[in-house]
Amino acid sequence: MTDKFFAIAQLGHELTLWLLIALSIFSIAFIFERFFVLSRVLRDSAKVRVRIRELLQSNNLQELEDIAKDRTSLEGRALSYGLRHAKERGKDGLEEIFSSYTLLERPILEKHLNFLATIGSNAPFIGLLGTVFGVMDAFRELAHTTPDQPAVMLGISKALIATAVGLIVAIPAVISYNYFQRQVRGIVGSLESVKDLCVAYAKTGTK
């Protein structure tokens, strides 16, 4: 059984390195994809927030209908659904409309973020496993040759490469995950402010 495990260790070090390289490629691709998608959503949301700020200063809730015509932003689409509901049924169930809309949109905003979180938490362990395999293989090779201190140090240093690669893969994934989650929370917060305005509009009894 031990011999079989050592045989696995011979390939394990290389396999974990290739696995980490593959995971890093996917991680980088998803980071760039989320960056461009969320940046576009945030730009549209920023424009809507400016209009909402102007609306609050003028205290004219009728301008909400103009914002609702902008279907390019999440807030504009949410407002269009909310105002249509408010005109047909009043404020009853309006908050549920916004909550349902947010629940539908949030998974789209958080696409690939679970993958980044998984990579961030598990890549160091994959690297550590590769290091263990590398150390096992190094000592096994030394057991069949004349003991040589430089050779021992070289074998251990090669084994540690897997741990280093695991950390290199994990750190950008964790940073990106936290950064994108903060952006998603900001977008959801913007939808919440739009919901409050829409509820206020419905309470005025405007039809």
N, C-alpha and C. Protein backbone atom coordinates (compact mmCIF):
# COMPACT_ATOMS: atom_id res chain seq x y z
N MET A 1 0.84 -1.20 0.00
CA MET A 1 0.00 0.00 0.00
C MET A 1 0.88 1.26 0.00
N THR A 2 1.95 1.21 0.80
CA THR A 2 2.85 2.36 0.88
C THR A 2 3.54 2.60 -0.46
N ASP A 3 3.95 1.52 -1.10
CA ASP A 3 4.60 1.66 -2.40
C ASP A 3 3.67 2.28 -3.43
N LYS A 4 2.39 1.90 -3.39
CA LYS A 4 1.41 2.47 -4.31
C LYS A 4 1.24 3.97 -4.06
N PHE A 5 1.26 4.34 -2.78
CA PHE A 5 1.11 5.75 -2.45
C PHE A 5 2.32 6.55 -2.92
N PHE A 6 3.50 5.98 -2.79
CA PHE A 6 4.70 6.65 -3.29
C PHE A 6 4.66 6.77 -4.81
N ALA A 7 4.09 5.77 -5.47
CA ALA A 7 3.93 5.85 -6.93
C ALA A 7 3.01 6.99 -7.32
N ILE A 8 1.95 7.18 -6.53
CA ILE A 8 1.03 8.30 -6.77
C ILE A 8 1.75 9.62 -6.54
N ALA A 9 2.61 9.66 -5.52
CA ALA A 9 3.33 10.89 -5.19
C ALA A 9 4.25 11.33 -6.32
N GLN A 10 4.78 10.36 -7.07
CA GLN A 10 5.67 10.70 -8.18
C GLN A 10 4.96 11.56 -9.22
N LEU A 11 3.72 11.22 -9.48
CA LEU A 11 2.92 11.98 -10.45
C LEU A 11 2.15 13.13 -9.79
N GLY A 12 1.88 12.99 -8.50
CA GLY A 12 1.03 13.95 -7.80
C GLY A 12 1.55 15.38 -7.84
N HIS A 13 2.86 15.52 -7.68
CA HIS A 13 3.44 16.88 -7.66
C HIS A 13 3.21 17.58 -8.99
N GLU A 14 3.49 16.90 -10.10
CA GLU A 14 3.30 17.49 -11.42
C GLU A 14 1.82 17.74 -11.71
N LEU A 15 0.97 16.79 -11.33
CA LEU A 15 -0.46 16.92 -11.60
C LEU A 15 -1.07 18.11 -10.86
N THR A 16 -0.66 18.30 -9.61
CA THR A 16 -1.20 19.45 -8.86
C THR A 16 -0.75 20.78 -9.47
N LEU A 17 0.45 20.82 -9.98
CA LEU A 17 0.92 22.04 -10.64
C LEU A 17 0.10 22.33 -11.89
N TRP A 18 -0.15 21.30 -12.71
CA TRP A 18 -0.96 21.50 -13.91
C TRP A 18 -2.39 21.87 -13.55
N LEU A 19 -2.91 21.26 -12.49
CA LEU A 19 -4.26 21.60 -12.04
C LEU A 19 -4.33 23.06 -11.61
N LEU A 20 -3.33 23.52 -10.87
CA LEU A 20 -3.31 24.92 -10.42
C LEU A 20 -3.18 25.88 -11.60
N ILE A 21 -2.40 25.50 -12.59
CA ILE A 21 -2.27 26.34 -13.78
C ILE A 21 -3.61 26.45 -14.50
N ALA A 22 -4.31 25.31 -14.64
CA ALA A 22 -5.63 25.32 -15.28
C ALA A 22 -6.61 26.18 -14.50
N LEU A 23 -6.62 26.04 -13.18
CA LEU A 23 -7.52 26.84 -12.34
C LEU A 23 -7.19 28.32 -12.43
N SER A 24 -5.90 28.65 -12.54
CA SER A 24 -5.52 30.06 -12.65
C SER A 24 -6.01 30.67 -13.97
N ILE A 25 -6.00 29.86 -15.05
CA ILE A 25 -6.49 30.35 -16.34
C ILE A 25 -7.99 30.66 -16.25
N PHE A 26 -8.75 29.73 -15.68
CA PHE A 26 -10.19 29.98 -15.50
C PHE A 26 -10.43 31.16 -14.58
N SER A 27 -9.66 31.25 -13.52
CA SER A 27 -9.82 32.34 -12.56
C SER A 27 -9.58 33.69 -13.21
N ILE A 28 -8.51 33.81 -13.97
CA ILE A 28 -8.20 35.08 -14.64
C ILE A 28 -9.29 35.43 -15.65
N ALA A 29 -9.77 34.42 -16.39
CA ALA A 29 -10.83 34.67 -17.38
C ALA A 29 -12.09 35.18 -16.70
N PHE A 30 -12.47 34.57 -15.59
CA PHE A 30 -13.69 34.99 -14.88
C PHE A 30 -13.51 36.36 -14.23
N ILE A 31 -12.32 36.65 -13.76
CA ILE A 31 -12.06 37.97 -13.16
C ILE A 31 -12.25 39.07 -14.20
N PHE A 32 -11.68 38.89 -15.38
CA PHE A 32 -11.84 39.89 -16.44
C PHE A 32 -13.29 39.99 -16.90
N GLU A 33 -13.98 38.84 -17.00
CA GLU A 33 -15.38 38.85 -17.43
C GLU A 33 -16.25 39.62 -16.44
N ARG A 34 -16.07 39.34 -15.15
CA ARG A 34 -16.87 40.05 -14.14
C ARG A 34 -16.51 41.52 -14.08
N PHE A 35 -15.25 41.84 -14.29
CA PHE A 35 -14.83 43.23 -14.23
C PHE A 35 -15.54 44.05 -15.30
N PHE A 36 -15.56 43.55 -16.52
CA PHE A 36 -16.18 44.31 -17.60
C PHE A 36 -17.70 44.35 -17.45
N VAL A 37 -18.32 43.24 -17.03
CA VAL A 37 -19.78 43.22 -16.89
C VAL A 37 -20.23 44.14 -15.76
N LEU A 38 -19.60 44.00 -14.59
CA LEU A 38 -20.01 44.82 -13.45
C LEU A 38 -19.65 46.29 -13.64
N SER A 39 -18.57 46.56 -14.36
CA SER A 39 -18.22 47.96 -14.64
C SER A 39 -19.31 48.62 -15.47
N ARG A 40 -19.83 47.89 -16.46
CA ARG A 40 -20.90 48.44 -17.29
C ARG A 40 -22.16 48.67 -16.46
N VAL A 41 -22.51 47.70 -15.62
CA VAL A 41 -23.70 47.83 -14.78
C VAL A 41 -23.54 49.01 -13.82
N LEU A 42 -22.35 49.17 -13.27
CA LEU A 42 -22.11 50.27 -12.33
C LEU A 42 -22.17 51.62 -13.02
N ARG A 43 -21.70 51.70 -14.26
CA ARG A 43 -21.79 52.96 -15.00
C ARG A 43 -23.25 53.35 -15.21
N ASP A 44 -24.07 52.38 -15.59
CA ASP A 44 -25.49 52.67 -15.78
C ASP A 44 -26.15 53.05 -14.46
N SER A 45 -25.77 52.35 -13.39
CA SER A 45 -26.34 52.65 -12.08
C SER A 45 -25.94 54.03 -11.60
N ALA A 46 -24.70 54.43 -11.90
CA ALA A 46 -24.24 55.76 -11.48
C ALA A 46 -25.07 56.85 -12.16
N LYS A 47 -25.40 56.66 -13.43
CA LYS A 47 -26.23 57.63 -14.13
C LYS A 47 -27.61 57.74 -13.50
N VAL A 48 -28.17 56.58 -13.13
CA VAL A 48 -29.49 56.59 -12.50
C VAL A 48 -29.43 57.27 -11.14
N ARG A 49 -28.36 57.02 -10.38
CA ARG A 49 -28.24 57.64 -9.06
C ARG A 49 -28.16 59.16 -9.16
N VAL A 50 -27.50 59.65 -10.20
CA VAL A 50 -27.45 61.10 -10.41
C VAL A 50 -28.86 61.64 -10.66
N ARG A 51 -29.63 60.95 -11.48
CA ARG A 51 -30.99 61.40 -11.78
C ARG A 51 -31.88 61.32 -10.54
N ILE A 52 -31.66 60.29 -9.71
CA ILE A 52 -32.44 60.16 -8.49
C ILE A 52 -32.09 61.28 -7.52
N ARG A 53 -30.80 61.63 -7.46
CA ARG A 53 -30.39 62.73 -6.60
C ARG A 53 -31.06 64.04 -7.04
N GLU A 54 -31.10 64.26 -8.34
CA GLU A 54 -31.78 65.45 -8.87
C GLU A 54 -33.27 65.41 -8.57
N LEU A 55 -33.85 64.21 -8.66
CA LEU A 55 -35.27 64.04 -8.37
C LEU A 55 -35.56 64.40 -6.91
N LEU A 56 -34.72 63.96 -5.99
CA LEU A 56 -34.93 64.25 -4.57
C LEU A 56 -34.79 65.74 -4.29
N GLN A 57 -33.87 66.38 -5.00
CA GLN A 57 -33.70 67.82 -4.81
C GLN A 57 -34.90 68.60 -5.31
N SER A 58 -35.49 68.14 -6.42
CA SER A 58 -36.66 68.83 -6.96
C SER A 58 -37.96 68.39 -6.30
N ASN A 59 -37.89 67.25 -5.57
CA ASN A 59 -39.06 66.70 -4.88
C ASN A 59 -40.22 66.45 -5.85
N ASN A 60 -39.89 65.97 -7.03
CA ASN A 60 -40.90 65.71 -8.05
C ASN A 60 -40.86 64.23 -8.40
N LEU A 61 -41.72 63.45 -7.75
CA LEU A 61 -41.73 62.01 -7.97
C LEU A 61 -42.20 61.63 -9.36
N GLN A 62 -42.83 62.58 -10.07
CA GLN A 62 -43.27 62.27 -11.43
C GLN A 62 -42.09 61.94 -12.35
N GLU A 63 -40.92 62.44 -11.99
CA GLU A 63 -39.74 62.18 -12.83
C GLU A 63 -39.32 60.71 -12.78
N LEU A 64 -39.88 59.96 -11.81
CA LEU A 64 -39.59 58.53 -11.77
C LEU A 64 -40.01 57.84 -13.06
N GLU A 65 -41.07 58.33 -13.66
CA GLU A 65 -41.55 57.71 -14.90
C GLU A 65 -40.53 57.88 -16.02
N ASP A 66 -39.81 58.99 -16.02
CA ASP A 66 -38.77 59.19 -17.03
C ASP A 66 -37.61 58.22 -16.81
N ILE A 67 -37.25 58.01 -15.54
CA ILE A 67 -36.17 57.07 -15.24
C ILE A 67 -36.58 55.65 -15.62
N ALA A 68 -37.86 55.33 -15.43
CA ALA A 68 -38.36 54.00 -15.74
C ALA A 68 -38.29 53.69 -17.24
N LYS A 69 -38.19 54.72 -18.06
CA LYS A 69 -38.12 54.50 -19.50
C LYS A 69 -36.72 54.04 -19.94
N ASP A 70 -35.75 54.20 -19.03
CA ASP A 70 -34.38 53.78 -19.34
C ASP A 70 -34.23 52.30 -19.02
N ARG A 71 -34.33 51.46 -20.05
CA ARG A 71 -34.27 50.02 -19.84
C ARG A 71 -32.84 49.48 -19.87
N THR A 72 -31.87 50.35 -20.03
CA THR A 72 -30.47 49.88 -20.08
C THR A 72 -29.91 49.60 -18.69
N SER A 73 -30.52 50.15 -17.65
CA SER A 73 -30.03 49.97 -16.29
C SER A 73 -30.95 49.04 -15.51
N LEU A 74 -30.40 48.39 -14.50
CA LEU A 74 -31.20 47.53 -13.64
C LEU A 74 -32.27 48.34 -12.91
N GLU A 75 -31.89 49.54 -12.48
CA GLU A 75 -32.83 50.39 -11.75
C GLU A 75 -34.00 50.81 -12.65
N GLY A 76 -33.68 51.13 -13.90
CA GLY A 76 -34.74 51.54 -14.83
C GLY A 76 -35.73 50.42 -15.08
N ARG A 77 -35.22 49.21 -15.28
CA ARG A 77 -36.12 48.08 -15.50
C ARG A 77 -36.94 47.78 -14.26
N ALA A 78 -36.30 47.84 -13.08
CA ALA A 78 -37.03 47.60 -11.83
C ALA A 78 -38.13 48.64 -11.65
N LEU A 79 -37.82 49.89 -11.96
CA LEU A 79 -38.83 50.95 -11.83
C LEU A 79 -39.99 50.74 -12.79
N SER A 80 -39.69 50.29 -14.00
CA SER A 80 -40.77 50.08 -14.97
C SER A 80 -41.74 49.02 -14.46
N TYR A 81 -41.21 47.95 -13.86
CA TYR A 81 -42.08 46.92 -13.30
C TYR A 81 -42.83 47.46 -12.09
N GLY A 82 -42.11 48.19 -11.23
CA GLY A 82 -42.73 48.71 -10.02
C GLY A 82 -43.81 49.73 -10.30
N LEU A 83 -43.56 50.65 -11.20
CA LEU A 83 -44.56 51.68 -11.51
C LEU A 83 -45.78 51.08 -12.19
N ARG A 84 -45.56 50.11 -13.04
CA ARG A 84 -46.71 49.45 -13.68
C ARG A 84 -47.58 48.77 -12.64
N HIS A 85 -46.93 48.11 -11.66
CA HIS A 85 -47.68 47.47 -10.59
C HIS A 85 -48.39 48.52 -9.73
N ALA A 86 -47.70 49.63 -9.44
CA ALA A 86 -48.29 50.67 -8.60
C ALA A 86 -49.52 51.28 -9.26
N LYS A 87 -49.46 51.48 -10.56
CA LYS A 87 -50.60 52.08 -11.27
C LYS A 87 -51.79 51.12 -11.36
N GLU A 88 -51.48 49.82 -11.43
CA GLU A 88 -52.56 48.85 -11.56
C GLU A 88 -53.14 48.42 -10.22
N ARG A 89 -52.26 48.28 -9.20
CA ARG A 89 -52.71 47.71 -7.92
C ARG A 89 -52.34 48.53 -6.70
N GLY A 90 -51.71 49.65 -6.87
CA GLY A 90 -51.31 50.45 -5.74
C GLY A 90 -50.05 49.92 -5.08
N LYS A 91 -49.87 50.26 -3.81
CA LYS A 91 -48.63 49.89 -3.13
C LYS A 91 -48.62 48.46 -2.59
N ASP A 92 -49.79 47.80 -2.61
CA ASP A 92 -49.86 46.43 -2.09
C ASP A 92 -49.03 45.49 -2.97
N GLY A 93 -48.10 44.81 -2.34
CA GLY A 93 -47.25 43.86 -3.06
C GLY A 93 -46.11 44.50 -3.82
N LEU A 94 -45.96 45.81 -3.70
CA LEU A 94 -44.91 46.50 -4.47
C LEU A 94 -43.51 46.11 -4.00
N GLU A 95 -43.34 46.04 -2.69
CA GLU A 95 -42.02 45.66 -2.17
C GLU A 95 -41.65 44.24 -2.58
N GLU A 96 -42.65 43.37 -2.65
CA GLU A 96 -42.38 41.99 -3.08
C GLU A 96 -41.94 41.95 -4.55
N ILE A 97 -42.49 42.85 -5.36
CA ILE A 97 -42.08 42.92 -6.76
C ILE A 97 -40.60 43.24 -6.86
N PHE A 98 -40.15 44.22 -6.09
CA PHE A 98 -38.73 44.61 -6.11
C PHE A 98 -37.85 43.50 -5.52
N SER A 99 -38.35 42.86 -4.46
CA SER A 99 -37.56 41.77 -3.86
C SER A 99 -37.39 40.61 -4.83
N SER A 100 -38.46 40.28 -5.55
CA SER A 100 -38.37 39.20 -6.54
C SER A 100 -37.42 39.57 -7.67
N TYR A 101 -37.49 40.83 -8.09
CA TYR A 101 -36.60 41.28 -9.16
C TYR A 101 -35.14 41.20 -8.73
N THR A 102 -34.87 41.61 -7.49
CA THR A 102 -33.50 41.55 -6.97
C THR A 102 -33.01 40.11 -6.86
N LEU A 103 -33.89 39.21 -6.42
CA LEU A 103 -33.52 37.81 -6.30
C LEU A 103 -33.21 37.18 -7.66
N LEU A 104 -33.90 37.66 -8.69
CA LEU A 104 -33.65 37.14 -10.04
C LEU A 104 -32.36 37.70 -10.63
N GLU A 105 -32.06 38.96 -10.34
CA GLU A 105 -30.90 39.61 -10.93
C GLU A 105 -29.60 39.32 -10.18
N ARG A 106 -29.69 39.08 -8.89
CA ARG A 106 -28.47 38.92 -8.10
C ARG A 106 -27.62 37.74 -8.55
N PRO A 107 -28.21 36.56 -8.84
CA PRO A 107 -27.35 35.47 -9.34
C PRO A 107 -26.63 35.82 -10.63
N ILE A 108 -27.23 36.64 -11.47
CA ILE A 108 -26.57 37.06 -12.71
C ILE A 108 -25.38 37.96 -12.39
N LEU A 109 -25.57 38.85 -11.41
CA LEU A 109 -24.48 39.74 -11.01
C LEU A 109 -23.35 38.95 -10.34
N GLU A 110 -23.71 37.90 -9.63
CA GLU A 110 -22.71 37.12 -8.88
C GLU A 110 -22.19 35.92 -9.67
N LYS A 111 -22.45 35.90 -10.96
CA LYS A 111 -22.00 34.78 -11.80
C LYS A 111 -20.48 34.60 -11.67
N HIS A 112 -20.03 33.40 -11.49
CA HIS A 112 -18.62 33.00 -11.37
C HIS A 112 -17.99 33.40 -10.04
N LEU A 113 -18.69 34.15 -9.19
CA LEU A 113 -18.06 34.58 -7.93
C LEU A 113 -17.87 33.41 -6.98
N ASN A 114 -18.80 32.45 -7.00
CA ASN A 114 -18.62 31.26 -6.15
C ASN A 114 -17.38 30.48 -6.58
N PHE A 115 -17.12 30.46 -7.89
CA PHE A 115 -15.91 29.78 -8.37
C PHE A 115 -14.67 30.47 -7.83
N LEU A 116 -14.65 31.80 -7.87
CA LEU A 116 -13.50 32.54 -7.36
C LEU A 116 -13.32 32.30 -5.86
N ALA A 117 -14.44 32.25 -5.14
CA ALA A 117 -14.36 32.00 -3.69
C ALA A 117 -13.80 30.60 -3.42
N THR A 118 -14.24 29.63 -4.22
CA THR A 118 -13.76 28.26 -4.06
C THR A 118 -12.27 28.16 -4.36
N ILE A 119 -11.84 28.82 -5.44
CA ILE A 119 -10.42 28.82 -5.78
C ILE A 119 -9.61 29.48 -4.67
N GLY A 120 -10.11 30.61 -4.17
CA GLY A 120 -9.39 31.34 -3.13
C GLY A 120 -9.21 30.54 -1.86
N SER A 121 -10.20 29.71 -1.54
CA SER A 121 -10.12 28.96 -0.28
C SER A 121 -9.42 27.61 -0.44
N ASN A 122 -9.40 27.06 -1.63
CA ASN A 122 -8.88 25.70 -1.82
C ASN A 122 -7.55 25.61 -2.57
N ALA A 123 -7.19 26.62 -3.35
CA ALA A 123 -5.92 26.56 -4.10
C ALA A 123 -4.71 26.38 -3.17
N PRO A 124 -4.65 27.05 -2.01
CA PRO A 124 -3.49 26.81 -1.12
C PRO A 124 -3.39 25.36 -0.65
N PHE A 125 -4.55 24.71 -0.43
CA PHE A 125 -4.53 23.32 0.01
C PHE A 125 -4.08 22.39 -1.12
N ILE A 126 -4.50 22.72 -2.36
CA ILE A 126 -4.03 21.93 -3.50
C ILE A 126 -2.51 22.08 -3.63
N GLY A 127 -2.03 23.32 -3.47
CA GLY A 127 -0.59 23.54 -3.51
C GLY A 127 0.14 22.82 -2.40
N LEU A 128 -0.45 22.80 -1.21
CA LEU A 128 0.17 22.09 -0.08
C LEU A 128 0.23 20.59 -0.35
N LEU A 129 -0.84 20.06 -0.96
CA LEU A 129 -0.84 18.65 -1.32
C LEU A 129 0.28 18.34 -2.31
N GLY A 130 0.45 19.25 -3.29
CA GLY A 130 1.53 19.06 -4.25
C GLY A 130 2.90 19.10 -3.58
N THR A 131 3.05 19.97 -2.58
CA THR A 131 4.31 20.04 -1.85
C THR A 131 4.58 18.75 -1.07
N VAL A 132 3.53 18.21 -0.44
CA VAL A 132 3.68 16.95 0.28
C VAL A 132 4.12 15.84 -0.67
N PHE A 133 3.47 15.79 -1.83
CA PHE A 133 3.86 14.79 -2.83
C PHE A 133 5.32 14.99 -3.26
N GLY A 134 5.69 16.26 -3.46
CA GLY A 134 7.05 16.56 -3.89
C GLY A 134 8.09 16.17 -2.86
N VAL A 135 7.81 16.44 -1.59
CA VAL A 135 8.73 16.08 -0.52
C VAL A 135 8.85 14.56 -0.39
N MET A 136 7.71 13.89 -0.50
CA MET A 136 7.74 12.42 -0.44
C MET A 136 8.60 11.86 -1.57
N ASP A 137 8.41 12.37 -2.76
CA ASP A 137 9.17 11.88 -3.91
C ASP A 137 10.66 12.18 -3.75
N ALA A 138 10.96 13.39 -3.21
CA ALA A 138 12.37 13.76 -3.03
C ALA A 138 13.07 12.83 -2.05
N PHE A 139 12.44 12.55 -0.93
CA PHE A 139 13.06 11.66 0.07
C PHE A 139 13.12 10.21 -0.42
N ARG A 140 12.15 9.83 -1.22
CA ARG A 140 12.18 8.48 -1.77
C ARG A 140 13.37 8.31 -2.72
N GLU A 141 13.61 9.35 -3.52
CA GLU A 141 14.76 9.30 -4.42
C GLU A 141 16.07 9.28 -3.65
N LEU A 142 16.12 10.05 -2.56
CA LEU A 142 17.34 10.10 -1.75
C LEU A 142 17.62 8.77 -1.06
N ALA A 143 16.53 8.04 -0.77
CA ALA A 143 16.70 6.75 -0.10
C ALA A 143 17.44 5.74 -0.98
N HIS A 144 17.41 5.97 -2.29
CA HIS A 144 18.06 5.04 -3.23
C HIS A 144 19.39 5.56 -3.75
N THR A 145 19.83 6.71 -3.22
CA THR A 145 21.11 7.28 -3.65
C THR A 145 21.94 7.64 -2.43
N THR A 146 23.18 8.06 -2.66
CA THR A 146 24.06 8.50 -1.58
C THR A 146 23.55 9.81 -1.02
N PRO A 147 23.38 9.93 0.32
CA PRO A 147 22.89 11.17 0.92
C PRO A 147 23.74 12.37 0.49
N ASP A 148 23.05 13.41 0.05
CA ASP A 148 23.72 14.61 -0.45
C ASP A 148 22.89 15.82 -0.02
N GLN A 149 23.48 16.64 0.85
CA GLN A 149 22.72 17.77 1.39
C GLN A 149 22.21 18.72 0.32
N PRO A 150 23.02 19.14 -0.66
CA PRO A 150 22.49 20.02 -1.71
C PRO A 150 21.33 19.39 -2.47
N ALA A 151 21.42 18.09 -2.70
CA ALA A 151 20.33 17.41 -3.41
C ALA A 151 19.05 17.42 -2.59
N VAL A 152 19.19 17.24 -1.26
CA VAL A 152 18.01 17.29 -0.38
C VAL A 152 17.36 18.66 -0.44
N MET A 153 18.19 19.71 -0.33
CA MET A 153 17.67 21.07 -0.36
C MET A 153 17.00 21.39 -1.70
N LEU A 154 17.60 20.90 -2.79
CA LEU A 154 17.03 21.14 -4.11
C LEU A 154 15.67 20.45 -4.26
N GLY A 155 15.59 19.22 -3.77
CA GLY A 155 14.32 18.49 -3.86
C GLY A 155 13.22 19.16 -3.06
N ILE A 156 13.54 19.64 -1.86
CA ILE A 156 12.54 20.31 -1.02
C ILE A 156 12.13 21.64 -1.64
N SER A 157 13.10 22.37 -2.20
CA SER A 157 12.77 23.66 -2.82
C SER A 157 11.85 23.47 -4.02
N LYS A 158 12.06 22.40 -4.79
CA LYS A 158 11.16 22.11 -5.91
C LYS A 158 9.77 21.76 -5.42
N ALA A 159 9.73 21.04 -4.31
CA ALA A 159 8.43 20.66 -3.75
C ALA A 159 7.64 21.88 -3.29
N LEU A 160 8.33 22.89 -2.77
CA LEU A 160 7.66 24.09 -2.27
C LEU A 160 7.06 24.95 -3.38
N ILE A 161 7.46 24.68 -4.63
CA ILE A 161 6.91 25.44 -5.75
C ILE A 161 5.38 25.31 -5.79
N ALA A 162 4.87 24.12 -5.49
CA ALA A 162 3.43 23.91 -5.54
C ALA A 162 2.69 24.80 -4.54
N THR A 163 3.24 24.92 -3.35
CA THR A 163 2.61 25.80 -2.35
C THR A 163 2.63 27.24 -2.81
N ALA A 164 3.76 27.67 -3.37
CA ALA A 164 3.86 29.05 -3.87
C ALA A 164 2.85 29.30 -4.99
N VAL A 165 2.74 28.36 -5.92
CA VAL A 165 1.78 28.51 -7.02
C VAL A 165 0.36 28.54 -6.48
N GLY A 166 0.06 27.71 -5.49
CA GLY A 166 -1.27 27.71 -4.89
C GLY A 166 -1.63 29.06 -4.30
N LEU A 167 -0.67 29.68 -3.62
CA LEU A 167 -0.91 31.01 -3.05
C LEU A 167 -1.06 32.06 -4.14
N ILE A 168 -0.26 31.94 -5.20
CA ILE A 168 -0.33 32.90 -6.30
C ILE A 168 -1.70 32.84 -6.98
N VAL A 169 -2.25 31.63 -7.07
CA VAL A 169 -3.58 31.48 -7.68
C VAL A 169 -4.67 31.98 -6.73
N ALA A 170 -4.51 31.70 -5.42
CA ALA A 170 -5.57 32.00 -4.46
C ALA A 170 -5.70 33.49 -4.16
N ILE A 171 -4.59 34.19 -4.02
CA ILE A 171 -4.64 35.59 -3.58
C ILE A 171 -5.44 36.49 -4.53
N PRO A 172 -5.18 36.47 -5.85
CA PRO A 172 -6.00 37.31 -6.75
C PRO A 172 -7.47 36.91 -6.74
N ALA A 173 -7.74 35.60 -6.60
CA ALA A 173 -9.13 35.15 -6.57
C ALA A 173 -9.87 35.71 -5.36
N VAL A 174 -9.22 35.69 -4.20
CA VAL A 174 -9.85 36.21 -2.97
C VAL A 174 -10.06 37.72 -3.07
N ILE A 175 -9.04 38.42 -3.53
CA ILE A 175 -9.15 39.88 -3.66
C ILE A 175 -10.27 40.24 -4.64
N SER A 176 -10.31 39.55 -5.78
CA SER A 176 -11.34 39.82 -6.78
C SER A 176 -12.72 39.50 -6.26
N TYR A 177 -12.85 38.39 -5.55
CA TYR A 177 -14.15 38.00 -4.99
C TYR A 177 -14.67 39.08 -4.04
N ASN A 178 -13.84 39.54 -3.13
CA ASN A 178 -14.26 40.57 -2.18
C ASN A 178 -14.60 41.88 -2.90
N TYR A 179 -13.81 42.23 -3.91
CA TYR A 179 -14.05 43.46 -4.67
C TYR A 179 -15.38 43.39 -5.42
N PHE A 180 -15.63 42.28 -6.09
CA PHE A 180 -16.87 42.14 -6.85
C PHE A 180 -18.09 42.04 -5.94
N GLN A 181 -17.94 41.39 -4.80
CA GLN A 181 -19.05 41.31 -3.86
C GLN A 181 -19.43 42.69 -3.35
N ARG A 182 -18.43 43.53 -3.12
CA ARG A 182 -18.71 44.89 -2.69
C ARG A 182 -19.46 45.67 -3.77
N GLN A 183 -19.10 45.44 -5.04
CA GLN A 183 -19.80 46.08 -6.14
C GLN A 183 -21.25 45.60 -6.23
N VAL A 184 -21.45 44.30 -6.06
CA VAL A 184 -22.80 43.75 -6.12
C VAL A 184 -23.65 44.33 -5.00
N ARG A 185 -23.09 44.46 -3.81
CA ARG A 185 -23.83 45.04 -2.69
C ARG A 185 -24.22 46.49 -3.00
N GLY A 186 -23.32 47.21 -3.66
CA GLY A 186 -23.64 48.59 -4.04
C GLY A 186 -24.79 48.65 -5.03
N ILE A 187 -24.80 47.74 -5.99
CA ILE A 187 -25.88 47.70 -6.98
C ILE A 187 -27.21 47.34 -6.31
N VAL A 188 -27.17 46.36 -5.42
CA VAL A 188 -28.39 45.96 -4.70
C VAL A 188 -28.88 47.12 -3.82
N GLY A 189 -27.94 47.84 -3.21
CA GLY A 189 -28.33 49.01 -2.42
C GLY A 189 -29.00 50.07 -3.26
N SER A 190 -28.53 50.24 -4.48
CA SER A 190 -29.15 51.20 -5.40
C SER A 190 -30.57 50.77 -5.74
N LEU A 191 -30.78 49.46 -5.93
CA LEU A 191 -32.13 48.96 -6.18
C LEU A 191 -33.04 49.19 -4.99
N GLU A 192 -32.48 49.08 -3.78
CA GLU A 192 -33.27 49.33 -2.58
C GLU A 192 -33.74 50.79 -2.52
N SER A 193 -32.88 51.72 -2.88
CA SER A 193 -33.27 53.12 -2.88
C SER A 193 -34.35 53.40 -3.91
N VAL A 194 -34.24 52.73 -5.06
CA VAL A 194 -35.27 52.87 -6.09
C VAL A 194 -36.60 52.30 -5.59
N LYS A 195 -36.52 51.19 -4.88
CA LYS A 195 -37.75 50.61 -4.33
C LYS A 195 -38.43 51.57 -3.36
N ASP A 196 -37.65 52.20 -2.49
CA ASP A 196 -38.23 53.15 -1.53
C ASP A 196 -38.91 54.31 -2.25
N LEU A 197 -38.29 54.79 -3.31
CA LEU A 197 -38.89 55.89 -4.07
C LEU A 197 -40.18 55.44 -4.74
N CYS A 198 -40.16 54.23 -5.26
CA CYS A 198 -41.36 53.73 -5.93
C CYS A 198 -42.50 53.54 -4.94
N VAL A 199 -42.19 53.07 -3.73
CA VAL A 199 -43.21 52.94 -2.69
C VAL A 199 -43.77 54.30 -2.32
N ALA A 200 -42.89 55.30 -2.21
CA ALA A 200 -43.34 56.66 -1.92
C ALA A 200 -44.25 57.18 -3.04
N TYR A 201 -43.89 56.86 -4.28
CA TYR A 201 -44.72 57.26 -5.42
C TYR A 201 -46.09 56.62 -5.34
N ALA A 202 -46.14 55.33 -4.99
CA ALA A 202 -47.42 54.63 -4.89
C ALA A 202 -48.28 55.19 -3.78
N LYS A 203 -47.65 55.61 -2.68
CA LYS A 203 -48.40 56.13 -1.54
C LYS A 203 -49.05 57.48 -1.84
N THR A 204 -48.54 58.18 -2.84
CA THR A 204 -49.14 59.46 -3.19
C THR A 204 -50.49 59.26 -3.88
N GLY A 205 -50.74 58.01 -4.30
CA GLY A 205 -52.03 57.74 -4.95
C GLY A 205 -52.04 58.14 -6.39
N THR A 206 -50.84 58.40 -6.99
CA THR A 206 -50.79 58.79 -8.39
C THR A 206 -51.14 57.61 -9.27
N LYS A 207 -52.00 57.81 -10.22
CA LYS A 207 -52.43 56.76 -11.14
C LYS A 207 -51.94 57.08 -12.55
